[in-house]
Amino acid sequence: MYAPVVTRFDTYGGMLATDTRAYVDAVLSMPAMRYWYAEAAKEPWPEPGPDE
């Protein structure tokens, strides 16, 4: 699994196996991922959410 798939699980939720959830959490806690999310949050043109 790689970052784009992990972000889908983070965005859309869903039930994951315990080891899969641990992997998703580990990827999301990586400094590069935290930086990516923080920089994206600063964007002046946010994309609409999945239900908008």
PDB file of N, CA and C in Angstrom:
ATOM      1  N   MET A   1       0.852  -1.163   0.000  1.00  0.00           N
ATOM      2  CA  MET A   1       0.000   0.000   0.000  1.00  0.00           C
ATOM      3  C   MET A   1       0.901   1.230   0.000  1.00  0.00           C
ATOM      4  N   TYR A   2       0.439   2.276  -0.623  1.00  0.00           N
ATOM      5  CA  TYR A   2       1.245   3.489  -0.662  1.00  0.00           C
ATOM      6  C   TYR A   2       0.389   4.686  -0.267  1.00  0.00           C
ATOM      7  N   ALA A   3       0.999   5.849  -0.168  1.00  0.00           N
ATOM      8  CA  ALA A   3       0.365   7.023   0.423  1.00  0.00           C
ATOM      9  C   ALA A   3      -1.005   7.362  -0.167  1.00  0.00           C
ATOM     10  N   PRO A   4      -1.213   7.372  -1.489  1.00  0.00           N
ATOM     11  CA  PRO A   4      -2.548   7.716  -1.989  1.00  0.00           C
ATOM     12  C   PRO A   4      -3.652   6.778  -1.479  1.00  0.00           C
ATOM     13  N   VAL A   5      -3.337   5.514  -1.329  1.00  0.00           N
ATOM     14  CA  VAL A   5      -4.335   4.568  -0.809  1.00  0.00           C
ATOM     15  C   VAL A   5      -4.575   4.836   0.675  1.00  0.00           C
ATOM     16  N   VAL A   6      -3.512   5.106   1.400  1.00  0.00           N
ATOM     17  CA  VAL A   6      -3.641   5.407   2.828  1.00  0.00           C
ATOM     18  C   VAL A   6      -4.510   6.642   3.028  1.00  0.00           C
ATOM     19  N   THR A   7      -4.334   7.657   2.205  1.00  0.00           N
ATOM     20  CA  THR A   7      -5.146   8.865   2.361  1.00  0.00           C
ATOM     21  C   THR A   7      -6.612   8.589   2.072  1.00  0.00           C
ATOM     22  N   ARG A   8      -6.909   7.660   1.184  1.00  0.00           N
ATOM     23  CA  ARG A   8      -8.314   7.291   0.924  1.00  0.00           C
ATOM     24  C   ARG A   8      -8.936   6.676   2.176  1.00  0.00           C
ATOM     25  N   PHE A   9      -8.189   5.784   2.827  1.00  0.00           N
ATOM     26  CA  PHE A   9      -8.701   5.200   4.064  1.00  0.00           C
ATOM     27  C   PHE A   9      -8.903   6.280   5.117  1.00  0.00           C
ATOM     28  N   ASP A  10      -8.002   7.248   5.183  1.00  0.00           N
ATOM     29  CA  ASP A  10      -8.109   8.335   6.148  1.00  0.00           C
ATOM     30  C   ASP A  10      -9.312   9.220   5.829  1.00  0.00           C
ATOM     31  N   THR A  11      -9.520   9.527   4.570  1.00  0.00           N
ATOM     32  CA  THR A  11     -10.609  10.412   4.158  1.00  0.00           C
ATOM     33  C   THR A  11     -11.975   9.757   4.285  1.00  0.00           C
ATOM     34  N   TYR A  12     -12.108   8.561   3.782  1.00  0.00           N
ATOM     35  CA  TYR A  12     -13.413   7.917   3.700  1.00  0.00           C
ATOM     36  C   TYR A  12     -13.715   6.971   4.850  1.00  0.00           C
ATOM     37  N   GLY A  13     -12.731   6.686   5.679  1.00  0.00           N
ATOM     38  CA  GLY A  13     -12.954   5.821   6.829  1.00  0.00           C
ATOM     39  C   GLY A  13     -13.170   4.378   6.419  1.00  0.00           C
ATOM     40  N   GLY A  14     -13.936   3.693   7.197  1.00  0.00           N
ATOM     41  CA  GLY A  14     -14.199   2.285   6.928  1.00  0.00           C
ATOM     42  C   GLY A  14     -13.509   1.409   7.949  1.00  0.00           C
ATOM     43  N   MET A  15     -13.969   0.198   8.027  1.00  0.00           N
ATOM     44  CA  MET A  15     -13.392  -0.751   8.974  1.00  0.00           C
ATOM     45  C   MET A  15     -12.162  -1.394   8.355  1.00  0.00           C
ATOM     46  N   LEU A  16     -11.095  -1.415   9.118  1.00  0.00           N
ATOM     47  CA  LEU A  16      -9.848  -2.016   8.666  1.00  0.00           C
ATOM     48  C   LEU A  16      -9.398  -3.065   9.671  1.00  0.00           C
ATOM     49  N   ALA A  17      -8.690  -4.054   9.182  1.00  0.00           N
ATOM     50  CA  ALA A  17      -8.082  -5.033  10.081  1.00  0.00           C
ATOM     51  C   ALA A  17      -7.094  -4.307  10.990  1.00  0.00           C
ATOM     52  N   THR A  18      -6.848  -4.855  12.139  1.00  0.00           N
ATOM     53  CA  THR A  18      -5.972  -4.225  13.125  1.00  0.00           C
ATOM     54  C   THR A  18      -4.593  -3.919  12.555  1.00  0.00           C
ATOM     55  N   ASP A  19      -4.005  -4.867  11.841  1.00  0.00           N
ATOM     56  CA  ASP A  19      -2.669  -4.624  11.293  1.00  0.00           C
ATOM     57  C   ASP A  19      -2.706  -3.592  10.168  1.00  0.00           C
ATOM     58  N   THR A  20      -3.793  -3.560   9.414  1.00  0.00           N
ATOM     59  CA  THR A  20      -3.926  -2.552   8.357  1.00  0.00           C
ATOM     60  C   THR A  20      -4.074  -1.170   8.965  1.00  0.00           C
ATOM     61  N   ARG A  21      -4.887  -1.050  10.015  1.00  0.00           N
ATOM     62  CA  ARG A  21      -5.063   0.238  10.701  1.00  0.00           C
ATOM     63  C   ARG A  21      -3.730   0.712  11.260  1.00  0.00           C
ATOM     64  N   ALA A  22      -2.937  -0.184  11.819  1.00  0.00           N
ATOM     65  CA  ALA A  22      -1.622   0.185  12.356  1.00  0.00           C
ATOM     66  C   ALA A  22      -0.724   0.713  11.245  1.00  0.00           C
ATOM     67  N   TYR A  23      -0.789   0.086  10.079  1.00  0.00           N
ATOM     68  CA  TYR A  23       0.022   0.534   8.942  1.00  0.00           C
ATOM     69  C   TYR A  23      -0.432   1.917   8.481  1.00  0.00           C
ATOM     70  N   VAL A  24      -1.735   2.112   8.339  1.00  0.00           N
ATOM     71  CA  VAL A  24      -2.270   3.411   7.925  1.00  0.00           C
ATOM     72  C   VAL A  24      -1.834   4.483   8.917  1.00  0.00           C
ATOM     73  N   ASP A  25      -1.973   4.211  10.199  1.00  0.00           N
ATOM     74  CA  ASP A  25      -1.565   5.180  11.222  1.00  0.00           C
ATOM     75  C   ASP A  25      -0.069   5.473  11.148  1.00  0.00           C
ATOM     76  N   ALA A  26       0.731   4.447  10.888  1.00  0.00           N
ATOM     77  CA  ALA A  26       2.183   4.639  10.788  1.00  0.00           C
ATOM     78  C   ALA A  26       2.537   5.530   9.601  1.00  0.00           C
ATOM     79  N   VAL A  27       1.900   5.296   8.467  1.00  0.00           N
ATOM     80  CA  VAL A  27       2.180   6.125   7.284  1.00  0.00           C
ATOM     81  C   VAL A  27       1.738   7.560   7.536  1.00  0.00           C
ATOM     82  N   LEU A  28       0.554   7.741   8.109  1.00  0.00           N
ATOM     83  CA  LEU A  28       0.050   9.092   8.357  1.00  0.00           C
ATOM     84  C   LEU A  28       0.881   9.844   9.388  1.00  0.00           C
ATOM     85  N   SER A  29       1.602   9.133  10.239  1.00  0.00           N
ATOM     86  CA  SER A  29       2.417   9.802  11.258  1.00  0.00           C
ATOM     87  C   SER A  29       3.826  10.129  10.765  1.00  0.00           C
ATOM     88  N   MET A  30       4.151   9.721   9.549  1.00  0.00           N
ATOM     89  CA  MET A  30       5.482  10.016   9.003  1.00  0.00           C
ATOM     90  C   MET A  30       5.639  11.529   8.819  1.00  0.00           C
ATOM     91  N   PRO A  31       6.821  12.073   9.094  1.00  0.00           N
ATOM     92  CA  PRO A  31       7.029  13.514   8.946  1.00  0.00           C
ATOM     93  C   PRO A  31       6.650  14.043   7.560  1.00  0.00           C
ATOM     94  N   ALA A  32       6.957  13.315   6.526  1.00  0.00           N
ATOM     95  CA  ALA A  32       6.628  13.780   5.173  1.00  0.00           C
ATOM     96  C   ALA A  32       5.116  13.876   4.972  1.00  0.00           C
ATOM     97  N   MET A  33       4.378  12.930   5.511  1.00  0.00           N
ATOM     98  CA  MET A  33       2.918  12.963   5.376  1.00  0.00           C
ATOM     99  C   MET A  33       2.320  14.099   6.195  1.00  0.00           C
ATOM    100  N   ARG A  34       2.825  14.285   7.417  1.00  0.00           N
ATOM    101  CA  ARG A  34       2.320  15.394   8.240  1.00  0.00           C
ATOM    102  C   ARG A  34       2.592  16.722   7.551  1.00  0.00           C
ATOM    103  N   TYR A  35       3.774  16.862   6.945  1.00  0.00           N
ATOM    104  CA  TYR A  35       4.123  18.078   6.215  1.00  0.00           C
ATOM    105  C   TYR A  35       3.179  18.271   5.027  1.00  0.00           C
ATOM    106  N   TRP A  36       2.943  17.215   4.278  1.00  0.00           N
ATOM    107  CA  TRP A  36       2.078  17.274   3.105  1.00  0.00           C
ATOM    108  C   TRP A  36       0.668  17.731   3.500  1.00  0.00           C
ATOM    109  N   TYR A  37       0.108  17.142   4.569  1.00  0.00           N
ATOM    110  CA  TYR A  37      -1.221  17.527   5.035  1.00  0.00           C
ATOM    111  C   TYR A  37      -1.230  18.987   5.503  1.00  0.00           C
ATOM    112  N   ALA A  38      -0.196  19.399   6.231  1.00  0.00           N
ATOM    113  CA  ALA A  38      -0.132  20.773   6.738  1.00  0.00           C
ATOM    114  C   ALA A  38      -0.056  21.779   5.595  1.00  0.00           C
ATOM    115  N   GLU A  39       0.749  21.488   4.596  1.00  0.00           N
ATOM    116  CA  GLU A  39       0.862  22.394   3.452  1.00  0.00           C
ATOM    117  C   GLU A  39      -0.439  22.436   2.652  1.00  0.00           C
ATOM    118  N   ALA A  40      -1.086  21.306   2.507  1.00  0.00           N
ATOM    119  CA  ALA A  40      -2.357  21.266   1.779  1.00  0.00           C
ATOM    120  C   ALA A  40      -3.419  22.089   2.502  1.00  0.00           C
ATOM    121  N   ALA A  41      -3.398  22.079   3.828  1.00  0.00           N
ATOM    122  CA  ALA A  41      -4.377  22.840   4.604  1.00  0.00           C
ATOM    123  C   ALA A  41      -4.209  24.343   4.415  1.00  0.00           C
ATOM    124  N   LYS A  42      -3.028  24.789   4.011  1.00  0.00           N
ATOM    125  CA  LYS A  42      -2.760  26.210   3.788  1.00  0.00           C
ATOM    126  C   LYS A  42      -3.230  26.695   2.419  1.00  0.00           C
ATOM    127  N   GLU A  43      -3.597  25.777   1.541  1.00  0.00           N
ATOM    128  CA  GLU A  43      -3.999  26.151   0.185  1.00  0.00           C
ATOM    129  C   GLU A  43      -5.183  27.118   0.240  1.00  0.00           C
ATOM    130  N   PRO A  44      -5.148  28.193  -0.533  1.00  0.00           N
ATOM    131  CA  PRO A  44      -6.249  29.155  -0.507  1.00  0.00           C
ATOM    132  C   PRO A  44      -7.461  28.695  -1.319  1.00  0.00           C
ATOM    133  N   TRP A  45      -7.345  27.617  -2.035  1.00  0.00           N
ATOM    134  CA  TRP A  45      -8.443  27.138  -2.874  1.00  0.00           C
ATOM    135  C   TRP A  45      -8.775  25.684  -2.529  1.00  0.00           C
ATOM    136  N   PRO A  46      -9.411  25.453  -1.400  1.00  0.00           N
ATOM    137  CA  PRO A  46      -9.697  24.068  -1.016  1.00  0.00           C
ATOM    138  C   PRO A  46     -10.640  23.390  -2.002  1.00  0.00           C
ATOM    139  N   GLU A  47     -10.407  22.127  -2.204  1.00  0.00           N
ATOM    140  CA  GLU A  47     -11.290  21.334  -3.057  1.00  0.00           C
ATOM    141  C   GLU A  47     -12.558  21.015  -2.265  1.00  0.00           C
ATOM    142  N   PRO A  48     -13.689  20.921  -2.940  1.00  0.00           N
ATOM    143  CA  PRO A  48     -14.902  20.532  -2.216  1.00  0.00           C
ATOM    144  C   PRO A  48     -14.770  19.118  -1.660  1.00  0.00           C
ATOM    145  N   GLY A  49     -15.444  18.870  -0.572  1.00  0.00           N
ATOM    146  CA  GLY A  49     -15.415  17.540   0.031  1.00  0.00           C
ATOM    147  C   GLY A  49     -16.136  16.530  -0.840  1.00  0.00           C
ATOM    148  N   PRO A  50     -16.084  15.264  -0.466  1.00  0.00           N
ATOM    149  CA  PRO A  50     -16.686  14.219  -1.293  1.00  0.00           C
ATOM    150  C   PRO A  50     -18.200  14.332  -1.414  1.00  0.00           C
ATOM    151  N   ASP A  51     -18.847  15.004  -0.466  1.00  0.00           N
ATOM    152  CA  ASP A  51     -20.305  15.120  -0.509  1.00  0.00           C
ATOM    153  C   ASP A  51     -20.780  16.499  -0.935  1.00  0.00           C
ATOM    154  N   GLU A  52     -19.871  17.331  -1.390  1.00  0.00           N
ATOM    155  CA  GLU A  52     -20.259  18.696  -1.783  1.00  0.00           C
ATOM    156  C   GLU A  52     -20.400  18.800  -3.275  1.00  0.00           C
TER     157      GLU A  52
END
